[in-house]
Amino acid sequence: MNINLRLLGLALVGLCGCQTHTYRLVQPATANATIGETPIPLKIEPLEYRVAQHDNRISLRVLNPTSERIVLLGERSSVIDASGESHPLRGRVMEPHSYIRLVLPPVPSGFQHPDYTWGWGWGGATWGWGWPGYPPMSGPYYAEGFLGPPPLVYEHPLTVYDWTWNRGPVHLRLTYDRGKESFEHEFEFNRD
């Protein structure tokens, strides 16, 4: 019976595997294709694009093959997520013969810091500054009876640039400045 329970457990784990999504490049219509790990090359004058899937996100590499500086105008570019909400993009500069990379949806930025809960009160056996359950500090991290630094906390502040993508279409409009002229490129992706 013990072996049957193990086999049943393994079967359930196999059925609950990670959910994968299929990404399609819908627009430009000439490149209608399923996006995989192998980059799909696109040439839309004057730029070149490489579209691939990486870590369950779309990686869009924008190459500047010209000998001029091209600027992605963030304040005039946008992405409309699958729920219809419009999000701004950050502006970027592409020097001649260089590239930038956009990730859809963007990878949220976060940071770690020590979990200091400062306050005046009981910090152990005596009064003083400290964090709950630990004695007052007498050095940068250590005090008598304290075995290590405070725990680390990971924070992720949400910004207007952050969004999520469950299913559906995402429309991307990129506006560029090339010297005295501006131009736009539009893409539409679908996630099934």
N, C-alpha and C. Protein backbone atom coordinates (compact mmCIF):
# COMPACT_ATOMS: atom_id res chain seq x y z
N MET A 1 0.82 -1.20 0.00
CA MET A 1 0.00 0.00 0.00
C MET A 1 0.86 1.26 0.00
N ASN A 2 1.99 1.20 0.69
CA ASN A 2 2.88 2.34 0.76
C ASN A 2 3.39 2.73 -0.63
N ILE A 3 3.69 1.73 -1.47
CA ILE A 3 4.16 2.00 -2.83
C ILE A 3 3.05 2.63 -3.66
N ASN A 4 1.80 2.19 -3.47
CA ASN A 4 0.68 2.78 -4.21
C ASN A 4 0.50 4.26 -3.87
N LEU A 5 0.66 4.60 -2.60
CA LEU A 5 0.54 6.01 -2.21
C LEU A 5 1.66 6.84 -2.84
N ARG A 6 2.87 6.30 -2.89
CA ARG A 6 3.97 7.02 -3.52
C ARG A 6 3.71 7.24 -5.00
N LEU A 7 3.24 6.20 -5.68
CA LEU A 7 2.94 6.33 -7.11
C LEU A 7 1.83 7.34 -7.35
N LEU A 8 0.80 7.32 -6.49
CA LEU A 8 -0.29 8.29 -6.62
C LEU A 8 0.23 9.70 -6.41
N GLY A 9 1.12 9.90 -5.43
CA GLY A 9 1.71 11.20 -5.18
C GLY A 9 2.53 11.68 -6.37
N LEU A 10 3.34 10.81 -6.96
CA LEU A 10 4.12 11.19 -8.13
C LEU A 10 3.22 11.54 -9.31
N ALA A 11 2.14 10.80 -9.49
CA ALA A 11 1.21 11.10 -10.58
C ALA A 11 0.56 12.47 -10.38
N LEU A 12 0.19 12.79 -9.15
CA LEU A 12 -0.42 14.09 -8.87
C LEU A 12 0.57 15.23 -9.10
N VAL A 13 1.81 15.04 -8.71
CA VAL A 13 2.82 16.06 -8.94
C VAL A 13 3.02 16.26 -10.44
N GLY A 14 3.03 15.19 -11.21
CA GLY A 14 3.18 15.30 -12.67
C GLY A 14 2.01 16.01 -13.32
N LEU A 15 0.81 15.84 -12.78
CA LEU A 15 -0.36 16.51 -13.35
C LEU A 15 -0.41 17.98 -12.99
N CYS A 16 0.24 18.39 -11.91
CA CYS A 16 0.19 19.77 -11.45
C CYS A 16 1.40 20.57 -11.93
N GLY A 17 1.98 20.22 -13.03
CA GLY A 17 3.19 20.89 -13.53
C GLY A 17 2.98 22.36 -13.77
N CYS A 18 4.04 23.02 -14.13
CA CYS A 18 4.00 24.45 -14.37
C CYS A 18 3.16 24.77 -15.60
N GLN A 19 2.41 25.83 -15.52
CA GLN A 19 1.61 26.26 -16.65
C GLN A 19 2.48 27.05 -17.61
N THR A 20 2.43 26.67 -18.87
CA THR A 20 3.18 27.42 -19.87
C THR A 20 2.20 28.15 -20.77
N HIS A 21 2.66 29.24 -21.32
CA HIS A 21 1.83 30.05 -22.20
C HIS A 21 2.44 30.07 -23.59
N THR A 22 1.58 30.25 -24.57
CA THR A 22 2.02 30.39 -25.94
C THR A 22 1.89 31.86 -26.32
N TYR A 23 2.97 32.40 -26.85
CA TYR A 23 2.98 33.79 -27.30
C TYR A 23 2.96 33.81 -28.82
N ARG A 24 2.19 34.73 -29.36
CA ARG A 24 2.15 34.92 -30.81
C ARG A 24 2.41 36.38 -31.13
N LEU A 25 3.16 36.58 -32.20
CA LEU A 25 3.37 37.92 -32.74
C LEU A 25 2.30 38.11 -33.80
N VAL A 26 1.35 39.01 -33.56
CA VAL A 26 0.21 39.21 -34.45
C VAL A 26 0.47 40.34 -35.43
N GLN A 27 1.07 41.43 -34.95
CA GLN A 27 1.35 42.57 -35.80
C GLN A 27 2.82 42.95 -35.62
N PRO A 28 3.58 43.17 -36.65
CA PRO A 28 3.18 43.30 -38.04
C PRO A 28 2.72 41.96 -38.62
N ALA A 29 1.70 42.05 -39.46
CA ALA A 29 1.05 40.86 -40.01
C ALA A 29 2.00 39.99 -40.82
N THR A 30 3.03 40.58 -41.40
CA THR A 30 3.97 39.80 -42.20
C THR A 30 4.78 38.84 -41.34
N ALA A 31 4.85 39.07 -40.05
CA ALA A 31 5.64 38.23 -39.16
C ALA A 31 4.77 37.37 -38.25
N ASN A 32 3.51 37.16 -38.58
CA ASN A 32 2.60 36.39 -37.75
C ASN A 32 3.23 35.03 -37.44
N ALA A 33 3.68 34.85 -36.19
CA ALA A 33 4.40 33.63 -35.83
C ALA A 33 4.28 33.37 -34.35
N THR A 34 4.51 32.11 -33.98
CA THR A 34 4.59 31.74 -32.57
C THR A 34 5.99 32.09 -32.08
N ILE A 35 6.05 32.72 -30.91
CA ILE A 35 7.32 33.17 -30.35
C ILE A 35 7.87 32.08 -29.45
N GLY A 36 9.09 31.66 -29.73
CA GLY A 36 9.76 30.66 -28.92
C GLY A 36 11.09 31.18 -28.43
N GLU A 37 11.97 30.27 -28.05
CA GLU A 37 13.28 30.67 -27.54
C GLU A 37 14.22 31.13 -28.65
N THR A 38 13.98 30.69 -29.87
CA THR A 38 14.78 31.13 -31.01
C THR A 38 14.27 32.49 -31.46
N PRO A 39 15.14 33.50 -31.52
CA PRO A 39 14.68 34.85 -31.89
C PRO A 39 14.11 34.92 -33.31
N ILE A 40 13.03 35.67 -33.44
CA ILE A 40 12.41 35.94 -34.74
C ILE A 40 12.95 37.30 -35.20
N PRO A 41 13.66 37.33 -36.34
CA PRO A 41 14.19 38.62 -36.81
C PRO A 41 13.13 39.40 -37.59
N LEU A 42 13.09 40.70 -37.36
CA LEU A 42 12.19 41.61 -38.08
C LEU A 42 12.99 42.83 -38.49
N LYS A 43 12.81 43.26 -39.72
CA LYS A 43 13.46 44.49 -40.18
C LYS A 43 12.36 45.48 -40.50
N ILE A 44 12.28 46.55 -39.72
CA ILE A 44 11.34 47.63 -39.96
C ILE A 44 12.20 48.89 -40.00
N GLU A 45 12.39 49.40 -41.17
CA GLU A 45 13.33 50.51 -41.38
C GLU A 45 13.10 51.64 -40.38
N PRO A 46 14.13 52.17 -39.83
CA PRO A 46 15.54 51.90 -40.01
C PRO A 46 16.10 50.91 -39.00
N LEU A 47 15.23 50.28 -38.19
CA LEU A 47 15.67 49.42 -37.09
C LEU A 47 15.51 47.94 -37.42
N GLU A 48 16.14 47.12 -36.61
CA GLU A 48 15.97 45.67 -36.66
C GLU A 48 15.51 45.20 -35.29
N TYR A 49 14.67 44.18 -35.26
CA TYR A 49 14.14 43.64 -34.02
C TYR A 49 14.43 42.15 -33.94
N ARG A 50 14.59 41.64 -32.72
CA ARG A 50 14.69 40.22 -32.45
C ARG A 50 13.70 39.94 -31.34
N VAL A 51 12.70 39.08 -31.62
CA VAL A 51 11.65 38.77 -30.66
C VAL A 51 11.81 37.31 -30.24
N ALA A 52 11.87 37.08 -28.93
CA ALA A 52 12.01 35.72 -28.41
C ALA A 52 11.30 35.62 -27.06
N GLN A 53 11.09 34.38 -26.63
CA GLN A 53 10.51 34.14 -25.32
C GLN A 53 11.63 33.74 -24.37
N HIS A 54 11.64 34.37 -23.20
CA HIS A 54 12.67 34.08 -22.20
C HIS A 54 12.05 34.19 -20.81
N ASP A 55 12.15 33.14 -20.02
CA ASP A 55 11.59 33.11 -18.66
C ASP A 55 10.12 33.49 -18.64
N ASN A 56 9.35 32.94 -19.56
CA ASN A 56 7.91 33.16 -19.65
C ASN A 56 7.54 34.64 -19.85
N ARG A 57 8.42 35.35 -20.54
CA ARG A 57 8.20 36.74 -20.92
C ARG A 57 8.67 36.91 -22.35
N ILE A 58 8.26 37.99 -22.97
CA ILE A 58 8.74 38.31 -24.32
C ILE A 58 9.93 39.24 -24.20
N SER A 59 11.00 38.88 -24.88
CA SER A 59 12.19 39.72 -24.94
C SER A 59 12.24 40.33 -26.33
N LEU A 60 12.24 41.65 -26.38
CA LEU A 60 12.27 42.37 -27.65
C LEU A 60 13.57 43.16 -27.70
N ARG A 61 14.48 42.71 -28.55
CA ARG A 61 15.76 43.41 -28.72
C ARG A 61 15.63 44.34 -29.91
N VAL A 62 15.93 45.61 -29.70
CA VAL A 62 15.83 46.63 -30.74
C VAL A 62 17.24 47.03 -31.12
N LEU A 63 17.63 46.77 -32.38
CA LEU A 63 18.98 47.05 -32.86
C LEU A 63 18.99 48.28 -33.74
N ASN A 64 19.99 49.11 -33.54
CA ASN A 64 20.18 50.31 -34.36
C ASN A 64 21.38 50.06 -35.28
N PRO A 65 21.15 49.63 -36.53
CA PRO A 65 22.25 49.35 -37.44
C PRO A 65 22.78 50.61 -38.14
N THR A 66 22.19 51.76 -37.86
CA THR A 66 22.57 53.00 -38.55
C THR A 66 23.79 53.64 -37.89
N SER A 67 24.27 54.68 -38.49
CA SER A 67 25.40 55.43 -37.92
C SER A 67 24.91 56.69 -37.20
N GLU A 68 23.60 56.71 -36.86
CA GLU A 68 23.01 57.84 -36.15
C GLU A 68 22.46 57.40 -34.81
N ARG A 69 22.36 58.35 -33.88
CA ARG A 69 21.73 58.10 -32.59
C ARG A 69 20.22 58.09 -32.78
N ILE A 70 19.55 57.10 -32.21
CA ILE A 70 18.09 57.00 -32.25
C ILE A 70 17.61 56.91 -30.81
N VAL A 71 16.60 57.71 -30.47
CA VAL A 71 16.10 57.78 -29.10
C VAL A 71 14.68 57.23 -29.05
N LEU A 72 14.45 56.26 -28.16
CA LEU A 72 13.09 55.80 -27.88
C LEU A 72 12.46 56.83 -26.96
N LEU A 73 11.41 57.48 -27.44
CA LEU A 73 10.73 58.53 -26.67
C LEU A 73 9.71 57.88 -25.74
N GLY A 74 10.09 57.72 -24.48
CA GLY A 74 9.23 57.07 -23.50
C GLY A 74 7.92 57.80 -23.29
N GLU A 75 7.94 59.14 -23.28
CA GLU A 75 6.72 59.90 -23.02
C GLU A 75 5.73 59.82 -24.17
N ARG A 76 6.16 59.36 -25.34
CA ARG A 76 5.26 59.22 -26.49
C ARG A 76 5.06 57.76 -26.89
N SER A 77 5.63 56.83 -26.13
CA SER A 77 5.48 55.39 -26.38
C SER A 77 4.59 54.81 -25.29
N SER A 78 3.96 53.67 -25.59
CA SER A 78 3.08 53.06 -24.59
C SER A 78 2.87 51.59 -24.88
N VAL A 79 2.39 50.91 -23.86
CA VAL A 79 1.95 49.53 -24.01
C VAL A 79 0.55 49.46 -23.41
N ILE A 80 -0.36 48.82 -24.12
CA ILE A 80 -1.72 48.62 -23.63
C ILE A 80 -1.83 47.16 -23.26
N ASP A 81 -2.02 46.88 -21.97
CA ASP A 81 -2.05 45.50 -21.52
C ASP A 81 -3.37 44.82 -21.90
N ALA A 82 -3.48 43.53 -21.59
CA ALA A 82 -4.63 42.73 -22.00
C ALA A 82 -5.94 43.20 -21.37
N SER A 83 -5.86 43.92 -20.25
CA SER A 83 -7.09 44.43 -19.63
C SER A 83 -7.49 45.78 -20.20
N GLY A 84 -6.64 46.35 -21.08
CA GLY A 84 -6.96 47.63 -21.71
C GLY A 84 -6.31 48.82 -21.05
N GLU A 85 -5.52 48.60 -19.99
CA GLU A 85 -4.86 49.71 -19.31
C GLU A 85 -3.59 50.11 -20.05
N SER A 86 -3.40 51.40 -20.22
CA SER A 86 -2.24 51.94 -20.91
C SER A 86 -1.12 52.22 -19.90
N HIS A 87 0.11 51.82 -20.27
CA HIS A 87 1.27 52.03 -19.40
C HIS A 87 2.36 52.75 -20.18
N PRO A 88 3.08 53.66 -19.54
CA PRO A 88 4.17 54.35 -20.23
C PRO A 88 5.40 53.45 -20.32
N LEU A 89 6.31 53.84 -21.16
CA LEU A 89 7.60 53.16 -21.25
C LEU A 89 8.69 54.14 -20.85
N ARG A 90 9.80 53.62 -20.42
CA ARG A 90 10.94 54.47 -20.10
C ARG A 90 11.69 54.78 -21.39
N GLY A 91 12.12 56.01 -21.53
CA GLY A 91 12.90 56.40 -22.69
C GLY A 91 14.28 55.77 -22.67
N ARG A 92 14.82 55.49 -23.84
CA ARG A 92 16.14 54.88 -23.95
C ARG A 92 16.87 55.49 -25.13
N VAL A 93 18.17 55.48 -25.09
CA VAL A 93 18.99 56.00 -26.17
C VAL A 93 19.74 54.83 -26.80
N MET A 94 19.69 54.77 -28.14
CA MET A 94 20.46 53.77 -28.88
C MET A 94 21.53 54.50 -29.68
N GLU A 95 22.74 54.32 -29.27
CA GLU A 95 23.85 54.88 -30.02
C GLU A 95 24.00 54.09 -31.32
N PRO A 96 24.77 54.61 -32.28
CA PRO A 96 24.97 53.88 -33.53
C PRO A 96 25.52 52.47 -33.27
N HIS A 97 24.96 51.51 -33.98
CA HIS A 97 25.39 50.11 -33.93
C HIS A 97 25.31 49.52 -32.52
N SER A 98 24.23 49.86 -31.83
CA SER A 98 24.00 49.31 -30.49
C SER A 98 22.55 48.83 -30.42
N TYR A 99 22.13 48.38 -29.25
CA TYR A 99 20.76 47.89 -29.10
C TYR A 99 20.25 48.19 -27.70
N ILE A 100 18.92 48.08 -27.56
CA ILE A 100 18.26 48.11 -26.26
C ILE A 100 17.39 46.87 -26.18
N ARG A 101 16.96 46.53 -24.98
CA ARG A 101 16.10 45.37 -24.80
C ARG A 101 14.89 45.76 -23.97
N LEU A 102 13.72 45.36 -24.43
CA LEU A 102 12.47 45.55 -23.70
C LEU A 102 11.95 44.17 -23.30
N VAL A 103 11.38 44.07 -22.12
CA VAL A 103 10.83 42.81 -21.63
C VAL A 103 9.36 43.03 -21.34
N LEU A 104 8.51 42.14 -21.87
CA LEU A 104 7.06 42.23 -21.69
C LEU A 104 6.54 40.97 -21.02
N PRO A 105 5.82 41.07 -19.93
CA PRO A 105 5.69 42.24 -19.07
C PRO A 105 7.02 42.52 -18.38
N PRO A 106 7.22 43.76 -17.94
CA PRO A 106 8.51 44.11 -17.34
C PRO A 106 8.78 43.31 -16.07
N VAL A 107 10.05 43.04 -15.83
CA VAL A 107 10.45 42.36 -14.61
C VAL A 107 10.41 43.39 -13.48
N PRO A 108 9.62 43.12 -12.45
CA PRO A 108 9.52 44.11 -11.38
C PRO A 108 10.85 44.28 -10.67
N SER A 109 11.16 45.51 -10.33
CA SER A 109 12.40 45.76 -9.60
C SER A 109 12.10 45.74 -8.12
N GLY A 110 12.97 45.13 -7.38
CA GLY A 110 12.79 45.05 -5.95
C GLY A 110 14.13 45.18 -5.26
N PHE A 111 14.12 45.20 -3.96
CA PHE A 111 15.36 45.32 -3.23
C PHE A 111 15.20 44.66 -1.87
N GLN A 112 16.34 44.27 -1.31
CA GLN A 112 16.36 43.69 0.02
C GLN A 112 16.96 44.69 0.99
N HIS A 113 16.48 44.64 2.21
CA HIS A 113 17.07 45.47 3.25
C HIS A 113 16.85 44.79 4.59
N PRO A 114 17.66 45.10 5.56
CA PRO A 114 17.45 44.51 6.89
C PRO A 114 16.12 44.98 7.47
N ASP A 115 15.45 44.09 8.18
CA ASP A 115 14.15 44.40 8.77
C ASP A 115 14.35 45.06 10.13
N TYR A 116 14.73 46.33 10.10
CA TYR A 116 14.86 47.07 11.34
C TYR A 116 13.50 47.62 11.71
N THR A 117 13.04 47.29 12.88
CA THR A 117 11.83 47.90 13.40
C THR A 117 12.26 48.75 14.58
N TRP A 118 12.59 50.00 14.30
CA TRP A 118 13.15 50.87 15.32
C TRP A 118 12.06 51.41 16.23
N GLY A 119 12.42 51.59 17.44
CA GLY A 119 11.50 52.19 18.39
C GLY A 119 12.09 52.17 19.78
N TRP A 120 11.52 52.95 20.65
CA TRP A 120 11.99 52.98 22.02
C TRP A 120 11.13 52.05 22.82
N GLY A 121 11.74 51.16 23.55
CA GLY A 121 10.96 50.23 24.36
C GLY A 121 11.80 49.03 24.72
N TRP A 122 11.12 47.94 24.98
CA TRP A 122 11.83 46.72 25.36
C TRP A 122 12.49 46.16 24.12
N GLY A 123 13.79 46.04 24.13
CA GLY A 123 14.56 45.46 23.04
C GLY A 123 15.25 44.21 23.51
N GLY A 124 14.77 43.59 24.50
CA GLY A 124 15.41 42.41 25.10
C GLY A 124 15.25 42.53 26.59
N ALA A 125 16.35 42.40 27.28
CA ALA A 125 16.29 42.44 28.74
C ALA A 125 16.35 43.86 29.30
N THR A 126 16.73 44.81 28.47
CA THR A 126 16.85 46.18 28.96
C THR A 126 16.13 47.13 28.02
N TRP A 127 15.99 48.39 28.46
CA TRP A 127 15.42 49.41 27.61
C TRP A 127 16.45 49.85 26.59
N GLY A 128 15.98 50.20 25.38
CA GLY A 128 16.92 50.72 24.40
C GLY A 128 16.40 50.53 22.99
N TRP A 129 17.22 50.96 22.04
CA TRP A 129 16.86 50.81 20.63
C TRP A 129 17.09 49.38 20.21
N GLY A 130 16.21 48.86 19.34
CA GLY A 130 16.38 47.50 18.84
C GLY A 130 15.22 47.12 17.96
N TRP A 131 15.10 45.87 17.67
CA TRP A 131 13.96 45.37 16.93
C TRP A 131 13.34 44.26 17.74
N PRO A 132 12.06 43.96 17.52
CA PRO A 132 11.33 43.04 18.40
C PRO A 132 12.05 41.70 18.57
N GLY A 133 12.17 41.28 19.81
CA GLY A 133 12.75 39.99 20.11
C GLY A 133 14.26 39.97 20.15
N TYR A 134 14.91 41.10 19.91
CA TYR A 134 16.36 41.14 19.92
C TYR A 134 16.81 42.19 20.93
N PRO A 135 17.99 41.98 21.50
CA PRO A 135 18.49 42.97 22.47
C PRO A 135 18.89 44.26 21.78
N PRO A 136 19.07 45.32 22.54
CA PRO A 136 19.48 46.60 21.95
C PRO A 136 20.82 46.45 21.23
N MET A 137 21.02 47.26 20.21
CA MET A 137 22.26 47.18 19.43
C MET A 137 23.36 47.92 20.16
N SER A 138 24.55 47.32 20.14
CA SER A 138 25.71 48.02 20.67
C SER A 138 26.77 48.14 19.59
N GLY A 139 26.54 47.54 18.44
CA GLY A 139 27.44 47.62 17.30
C GLY A 139 26.59 47.67 16.06
N PRO A 140 27.19 47.53 14.89
CA PRO A 140 26.40 47.64 13.67
C PRO A 140 25.32 46.56 13.58
N TYR A 141 25.60 45.35 14.02
CA TYR A 141 24.58 44.30 13.98
C TYR A 141 24.52 43.48 15.27
N TYR A 142 25.59 43.46 16.00
CA TYR A 142 25.68 42.49 17.08
C TYR A 142 25.59 43.14 18.45
N ALA A 143 24.95 42.42 19.33
CA ALA A 143 24.90 42.81 20.73
C ALA A 143 25.06 41.54 21.55
N GLU A 144 25.29 41.70 22.82
CA GLU A 144 25.48 40.52 23.66
C GLU A 144 24.24 39.64 23.61
N GLY A 145 24.44 38.37 23.30
CA GLY A 145 23.32 37.44 23.23
C GLY A 145 22.63 37.41 21.88
N PHE A 146 23.03 38.26 20.97
CA PHE A 146 22.41 38.31 19.65
C PHE A 146 23.25 37.50 18.68
N LEU A 147 22.66 36.60 17.93
CA LEU A 147 23.42 35.65 17.12
C LEU A 147 23.64 36.08 15.68
N GLY A 148 23.09 37.15 15.22
CA GLY A 148 23.30 37.53 13.84
C GLY A 148 22.55 38.80 13.48
N PRO A 149 22.67 39.20 12.22
CA PRO A 149 21.98 40.41 11.78
C PRO A 149 20.47 40.19 11.73
N PRO A 150 19.73 41.27 11.65
CA PRO A 150 18.28 41.13 11.56
C PRO A 150 17.89 40.46 10.24
N PRO A 151 16.70 39.89 10.15
CA PRO A 151 16.29 39.23 8.92
C PRO A 151 16.17 40.22 7.77
N LEU A 152 16.35 39.70 6.55
CA LEU A 152 16.23 40.54 5.35
C LEU A 152 14.79 40.52 4.85
N VAL A 153 14.34 41.64 4.33
CA VAL A 153 12.99 41.77 3.79
C VAL A 153 13.11 42.15 2.32
N TYR A 154 12.32 41.51 1.47
CA TYR A 154 12.31 41.84 0.05
C TYR A 154 11.09 42.71 -0.22
N GLU A 155 11.30 43.88 -0.82
CA GLU A 155 10.20 44.78 -1.13
C GLU A 155 10.11 45.00 -2.63
N HIS A 156 8.91 45.13 -3.11
CA HIS A 156 8.67 45.40 -4.52
C HIS A 156 7.68 46.55 -4.63
N PRO A 157 8.17 47.78 -4.76
CA PRO A 157 7.25 48.89 -4.94
C PRO A 157 6.71 48.91 -6.36
N LEU A 158 5.40 48.96 -6.53
CA LEU A 158 4.79 48.99 -7.85
C LEU A 158 4.85 50.40 -8.42
N THR A 159 5.14 50.48 -9.71
CA THR A 159 5.19 51.76 -10.40
C THR A 159 4.21 51.73 -11.57
N VAL A 160 4.06 52.85 -12.26
CA VAL A 160 3.18 52.90 -13.42
C VAL A 160 3.74 52.07 -14.57
N TYR A 161 5.01 51.72 -14.50
CA TYR A 161 5.64 50.93 -15.56
C TYR A 161 5.38 49.43 -15.39
N ASP A 162 4.94 49.00 -14.21
CA ASP A 162 4.71 47.58 -13.92
C ASP A 162 3.31 47.16 -14.30
N TRP A 163 3.20 45.98 -14.89
CA TRP A 163 1.91 45.40 -15.22
C TRP A 163 2.08 43.90 -15.35
N THR A 164 0.96 43.19 -15.32
CA THR A 164 0.98 41.73 -15.45
C THR A 164 0.22 41.32 -16.70
N TRP A 165 0.43 40.09 -17.11
CA TRP A 165 -0.16 39.60 -18.35
C TRP A 165 -0.60 38.17 -18.14
N ASN A 166 -1.90 37.96 -18.03
CA ASN A 166 -2.42 36.61 -17.89
C ASN A 166 -2.70 36.00 -19.25
N ARG A 167 -3.66 36.53 -19.96
CA ARG A 167 -4.01 36.07 -21.31
C ARG A 167 -4.52 37.26 -22.11
N GLY A 168 -4.44 37.15 -23.42
CA GLY A 168 -5.02 38.17 -24.28
C GLY A 168 -3.98 38.98 -25.02
N PRO A 169 -4.47 39.98 -25.78
CA PRO A 169 -3.56 40.77 -26.62
C PRO A 169 -2.92 41.93 -25.85
N VAL A 170 -1.69 42.26 -26.27
CA VAL A 170 -0.97 43.41 -25.75
C VAL A 170 -0.49 44.21 -26.96
N HIS A 171 -0.77 45.51 -26.94
CA HIS A 171 -0.40 46.38 -28.06
C HIS A 171 0.76 47.27 -27.60
N LEU A 172 1.81 47.32 -28.42
CA LEU A 172 3.01 48.08 -28.10
C LEU A 172 3.25 49.13 -29.18
N ARG A 173 3.32 50.39 -28.78
CA ARG A 173 3.62 51.49 -29.72
C ARG A 173 4.93 52.13 -29.28
N LEU A 174 5.91 52.07 -30.18
CA LEU A 174 7.23 52.63 -29.90
C LEU A 174 7.45 53.84 -30.79
N THR A 175 7.70 54.98 -30.18
CA THR A 175 7.95 56.22 -30.92
C THR A 175 9.42 56.59 -30.75
N TYR A 176 10.06 56.85 -31.88
CA TYR A 176 11.49 57.13 -31.90
C TYR A 176 11.76 58.53 -32.45
N ASP A 177 12.90 59.06 -32.07
CA ASP A 177 13.39 60.32 -32.61
C ASP A 177 14.73 60.04 -33.27
N ARG A 178 14.84 60.45 -34.53
CA ARG A 178 16.08 60.27 -35.28
C ARG A 178 16.47 61.62 -35.85
N GLY A 179 17.26 62.34 -35.11
CA GLY A 179 17.64 63.69 -35.53
C GLY A 179 16.44 64.61 -35.50
N LYS A 180 16.00 65.05 -36.68
CA LYS A 180 14.86 65.98 -36.76
C LYS A 180 13.55 65.28 -37.13
N GLU A 181 13.57 63.97 -37.28
CA GLU A 181 12.34 63.27 -37.64
C GLU A 181 11.95 62.27 -36.56
N SER A 182 10.65 62.04 -36.45
CA SER A 182 10.11 61.03 -35.54
C SER A 182 9.44 59.95 -36.36
N PHE A 183 9.43 58.73 -35.84
CA PHE A 183 8.73 57.63 -36.50
C PHE A 183 8.23 56.66 -35.45
N GLU A 184 7.23 55.86 -35.83
CA GLU A 184 6.61 54.91 -34.90
C GLU A 184 6.64 53.51 -35.48
N HIS A 185 6.75 52.54 -34.58
CA HIS A 185 6.59 51.13 -34.93
C HIS A 185 5.58 50.54 -33.97
N GLU A 186 4.68 49.73 -34.49
CA GLU A 186 3.64 49.13 -33.65
C GLU A 186 3.71 47.62 -33.72
N PHE A 187 3.45 47.00 -32.56
CA PHE A 187 3.45 45.55 -32.44
C PHE A 187 2.21 45.13 -31.67
N GLU A 188 1.74 43.93 -31.98
CA GLU A 188 0.69 43.33 -31.17
C GLU A 188 1.09 41.90 -30.88
N PHE A 189 1.02 41.53 -29.60
CA PHE A 189 1.35 40.19 -29.16
C PHE A 189 0.10 39.59 -28.51
N ASN A 190 -0.01 38.27 -28.56
CA ASN A 190 -1.13 37.59 -27.92
C ASN A 190 -0.58 36.48 -27.07
N ARG A 191 -1.12 36.33 -25.88
CA ARG A 191 -0.72 35.25 -24.96
C ARG A 191 -1.91 34.34 -24.74
N ASP A 192 -1.73 33.08 -25.09
CA ASP A 192 -2.81 32.07 -24.90
C ASP A 192 -2.54 31.21 -23.69
